[in-house]
Amino acid sequence: MQNSDETRSSPVLGIVREGDRAAMNEVNASVQVPASPHYTAVITSTVALRLFAYHVAQVPD
C-alpha cells in the first residue's frame, strides 16, 4: 500500500521510538525518541517536534 505522500514524491519524516525498525523502514527520514511508557511518550514526541519546528524556522530563505 502506497502512502499518498509517496505518490507525489515528497519525503516523509517520522517520529519513531528507538529501535523501531518497522517504522523506520516506512519513512524516508526519522527522528528517534527514547523508548518510554505510553503515558510519557507524548512528552518526548512533543519535545522532538518542537525542536524540529524551531530549527526549520531558523533556516534562512
C-alpha atoms as a PDB file:
ATOM      1  CA  MET A   1       0.000   0.000   0.000  1.00  0.00           C
ATOM      2  CA  GLN A   2       1.440   3.332  -1.016  1.00  0.00           C
ATOM      3  CA  ASN A   3       1.294   6.374   1.199  1.00  0.00           C
ATOM      4  CA  SER A   4      -0.402   9.316  -0.530  1.00  0.00           C
ATOM      5  CA  ASP A   5       2.724  11.437   0.123  1.00  0.00           C
ATOM      6  CA  GLU A   6       4.902   8.904  -1.688  1.00  0.00           C
ATOM      7  CA  THR A   7       2.759   9.110  -4.799  1.00  0.00           C
ATOM      8  CA  ARG A   8       3.715  12.767  -5.054  1.00  0.00           C
ATOM      9  CA  SER A   9       7.417  12.010  -4.470  1.00  0.00           C
ATOM     10  CA  SER A  10       7.588  14.072  -1.297  1.00  0.00           C
ATOM     11  CA  PRO A  11       9.785  12.900   1.583  1.00  0.00           C
ATOM     12  CA  VAL A  12       8.128  11.503   4.707  1.00  0.00           C
ATOM     13  CA  LEU A  13       9.544  12.304   8.149  1.00  0.00           C
ATOM     14  CA  GLY A  14       8.613  10.071  11.081  1.00  0.00           C
ATOM     15  CA  ILE A  15       8.932  10.417  14.845  1.00  0.00           C
ATOM     16  CA  VAL A  16       9.717   6.859  15.991  1.00  0.00           C
ATOM     17  CA  ARG A  17      10.768   5.086  19.157  1.00  0.00           C
ATOM     18  CA  GLU A  18      14.372   3.959  19.454  1.00  0.00           C
ATOM     19  CA  GLY A  19      14.877   0.630  17.757  1.00  0.00           C
ATOM     20  CA  ASP A  20      11.525   0.562  15.926  1.00  0.00           C
ATOM     21  CA  ARG A  21      12.913  -0.756  12.639  1.00  0.00           C
ATOM     22  CA  ALA A  22       9.480  -1.376  11.118  1.00  0.00           C
ATOM     23  CA  ALA A  23       8.526   2.295  11.485  1.00  0.00           C
ATOM     24  CA  MET A  24      11.925   3.476  10.206  1.00  0.00           C
ATOM     25  CA  ASN A  25      11.513   1.377   7.058  1.00  0.00           C
ATOM     26  CA  GLU A  26       8.214   3.123   6.247  1.00  0.00           C
ATOM     27  CA  VAL A  27       9.640   6.688   6.178  1.00  0.00           C
ATOM     28  CA  ASN A  28      12.405   8.482   4.302  1.00  0.00           C
ATOM     29  CA  ALA A  29      13.887  10.109   7.422  1.00  0.00           C
ATOM     30  CA  SER A  30      13.226   9.569  11.086  1.00  0.00           C
ATOM     31  CA  VAL A  31      13.758  11.275  14.423  1.00  0.00           C
ATOM     32  CA  GLN A  32      14.229   8.719  17.159  1.00  0.00           C
ATOM     33  CA  VAL A  33      12.906   9.386  20.633  1.00  0.00           C
ATOM     34  CA  PRO A  34      13.771   7.278  23.684  1.00  0.00           C
ATOM     35  CA  ALA A  35      11.551   4.283  24.304  1.00  0.00           C
ATOM     36  CA  SER A  36       9.260   5.139  27.202  1.00  0.00           C
ATOM     37  CA  PRO A  37       5.881   4.142  28.628  1.00  0.00           C
ATOM     38  CA  HIS A  38       2.897   5.251  26.538  1.00  0.00           C
ATOM     39  CA  TYR A  39       1.789   7.859  29.065  1.00  0.00           C
ATOM     40  CA  THR A  40       5.125   9.703  28.857  1.00  0.00           C
ATOM     41  CA  ALA A  41       5.770   9.124  25.142  1.00  0.00           C
ATOM     42  CA  VAL A  42       3.688  12.213  24.376  1.00  0.00           C
ATOM     43  CA  ILE A  43       6.230  14.372  26.195  1.00  0.00           C
ATOM     44  CA  THR A  44       9.272  13.031  24.345  1.00  0.00           C
ATOM     45  CA  SER A  45       7.496  13.280  20.981  1.00  0.00           C
ATOM     46  CA  THR A  46       6.392  16.854  21.694  1.00  0.00           C
ATOM     47  CA  VAL A  47       9.919  17.936  22.611  1.00  0.00           C
ATOM     48  CA  ALA A  48      11.291  16.393  19.413  1.00  0.00           C
ATOM     49  CA  LEU A  49       8.640  18.087  17.265  1.00  0.00           C
ATOM     50  CA  ARG A  50       9.142  21.488  18.901  1.00  0.00           C
ATOM     51  CA  LEU A  51      12.916  21.311  18.382  1.00  0.00           C
ATOM     52  CA  PHE A  52      12.383  20.279  14.767  1.00  0.00           C
ATOM     53  CA  ALA A  53       9.987  23.203  14.208  1.00  0.00           C
ATOM     54  CA  TYR A  54      12.446  25.613  15.824  1.00  0.00           C
ATOM     55  CA  HIS A  55      15.296  24.533  13.559  1.00  0.00           C
ATOM     56  CA  VAL A  56      13.124  24.619  10.443  1.00  0.00           C
ATOM     57  CA  ALA A  57      12.108  28.186  11.330  1.00  0.00           C
ATOM     58  CA  GLN A  58      15.792  29.166  11.647  1.00  0.00           C
ATOM     59  CA  VAL A  59      16.630  28.131   8.071  1.00  0.00           C
ATOM     60  CA  PRO A  60      17.274  31.278   6.031  1.00  0.00           C
ATOM     61  CA  ASP A  61      15.218  31.859   2.882  1.00  0.00           C
END
